[in-house]
Amino acid sequence: MRAVRPLNWTECGVEAQRWWETGPPGVDERRAVVIWLRDLGKVAWWIAEGERTLALGFVESLNPPSEELLEQARRSAAQRWWEIYT
């Protein structure tokens, strides 16, 4: 397995909701987002370019996710990012 270069993540939030993203929303550049969807019991990640979704994935998390689980989701998004990019 090859090493995956990490992406630069920024933590964002509104009230009790937190998420992490690699770029600002509403731009045409590629960006990745990781968020815990409490009602679905999943930490979801996706990669988008403008309005188009390029990849989507998740890890199960019925309880608030640990930092390790969030990092797992960020690594999965980064791996897919570089697979798409190269």
Protein backbone atom coordinates (compact mmCIF):
# COMPACT_ATOMS: atom_id res chain seq x y z
CA MET A 1 0.00 0.00 0.00
CA ARG A 2 1.44 3.36 -0.97
CA ALA A 3 1.59 6.29 1.42
CA VAL A 4 -1.20 8.82 1.03
CA ARG A 5 -0.29 12.48 1.13
CA PRO A 6 -2.46 14.25 3.70
CA LEU A 7 -4.83 17.04 2.76
CA ASN A 8 -4.98 20.32 4.67
CA TRP A 9 -8.20 20.28 6.69
CA THR A 10 -9.97 23.23 8.31
CA GLU A 11 -12.41 22.63 11.15
CA CYS A 12 -15.72 24.48 10.74
CA GLY A 13 -18.88 24.59 12.81
CA VAL A 14 -22.27 26.08 13.47
CA GLU A 15 -23.69 25.66 16.98
CA ALA A 16 -23.13 21.99 17.96
CA GLN A 17 -22.37 20.77 14.41
CA ARG A 18 -18.71 20.40 13.36
CA TRP A 19 -17.21 19.42 10.04
CA TRP A 20 -13.84 19.51 8.31
CA GLU A 21 -13.16 20.69 4.78
CA THR A 22 -10.25 21.31 2.47
CA GLY A 23 -11.59 24.38 0.71
CA PRO A 24 -14.35 26.96 0.84
CA PRO A 25 -17.86 25.99 -0.30
CA GLY A 26 -19.27 27.40 -3.51
CA VAL A 27 -16.06 27.42 -5.50
CA ASP A 28 -15.35 25.43 -8.64
CA GLU A 29 -12.15 23.96 -7.24
CA ARG A 30 -12.01 20.44 -5.87
CA ARG A 31 -12.66 20.15 -2.14
CA ALA A 32 -13.27 17.39 0.39
CA VAL A 33 -15.62 17.44 3.38
CA VAL A 34 -15.92 15.16 6.45
CA ILE A 35 -18.96 15.40 8.74
CA TRP A 36 -20.68 13.26 11.37
CA LEU A 37 -24.30 12.61 10.42
CA ARG A 38 -25.74 11.80 13.84
CA ASP A 39 -29.18 10.68 12.60
CA LEU A 40 -27.60 8.23 10.14
CA GLY A 41 -24.89 7.03 12.53
CA LYS A 42 -22.14 7.67 10.01
CA VAL A 43 -19.12 9.88 9.51
CA ALA A 44 -19.50 10.79 5.85
CA TRP A 45 -16.85 12.14 3.52
CA TRP A 46 -17.14 13.38 -0.02
CA ILE A 47 -15.08 15.03 -2.69
CA ALA A 48 -16.70 17.61 -4.94
CA GLU A 49 -15.66 19.84 -7.77
CA GLY A 50 -18.10 22.73 -8.00
CA GLU A 51 -21.57 21.18 -7.90
CA ARG A 52 -20.35 17.73 -9.03
CA THR A 53 -19.66 14.97 -6.48
CA LEU A 54 -16.60 12.95 -7.48
CA ALA A 55 -16.50 10.45 -4.60
CA LEU A 56 -18.48 9.60 -1.47
CA GLY A 57 -17.84 7.31 1.47
CA PHE A 58 -18.51 6.79 5.16
CA VAL A 59 -17.50 4.99 8.34
CA GLU A 60 -20.04 3.79 10.91
CA SER A 61 -20.36 5.88 14.08
CA LEU A 62 -23.54 5.61 16.15
CA ASN A 63 -21.93 7.64 18.95
CA PRO A 64 -19.99 10.90 18.66
CA PRO A 65 -16.89 9.91 16.72
CA SER A 66 -13.47 9.79 18.34
CA GLU A 67 -10.61 11.76 16.87
CA GLU A 68 -9.21 8.44 15.56
CA LEU A 69 -12.42 7.71 13.65
CA LEU A 70 -12.50 11.23 12.19
CA GLU A 71 -8.88 10.79 11.13
CA GLN A 72 -9.80 7.48 9.47
CA ALA A 73 -12.47 9.29 7.43
CA ARG A 74 -10.03 12.07 6.49
CA ARG A 75 -7.44 9.47 5.40
CA SER A 76 -10.05 7.67 3.28
CA ALA A 77 -11.01 10.95 1.61
CA ALA A 78 -7.34 11.82 1.02
CA GLN A 79 -6.63 8.40 -0.49
CA ARG A 80 -9.55 8.73 -2.89
CA TRP A 81 -8.56 12.36 -3.66
CA TRP A 82 -5.12 11.30 -4.84
CA GLU A 83 -6.54 8.31 -6.78
CA ILE A 84 -8.79 10.72 -8.69
CA TYR A 85 -6.02 13.27 -9.10
CA THR A 86 -3.42 10.89 -10.54
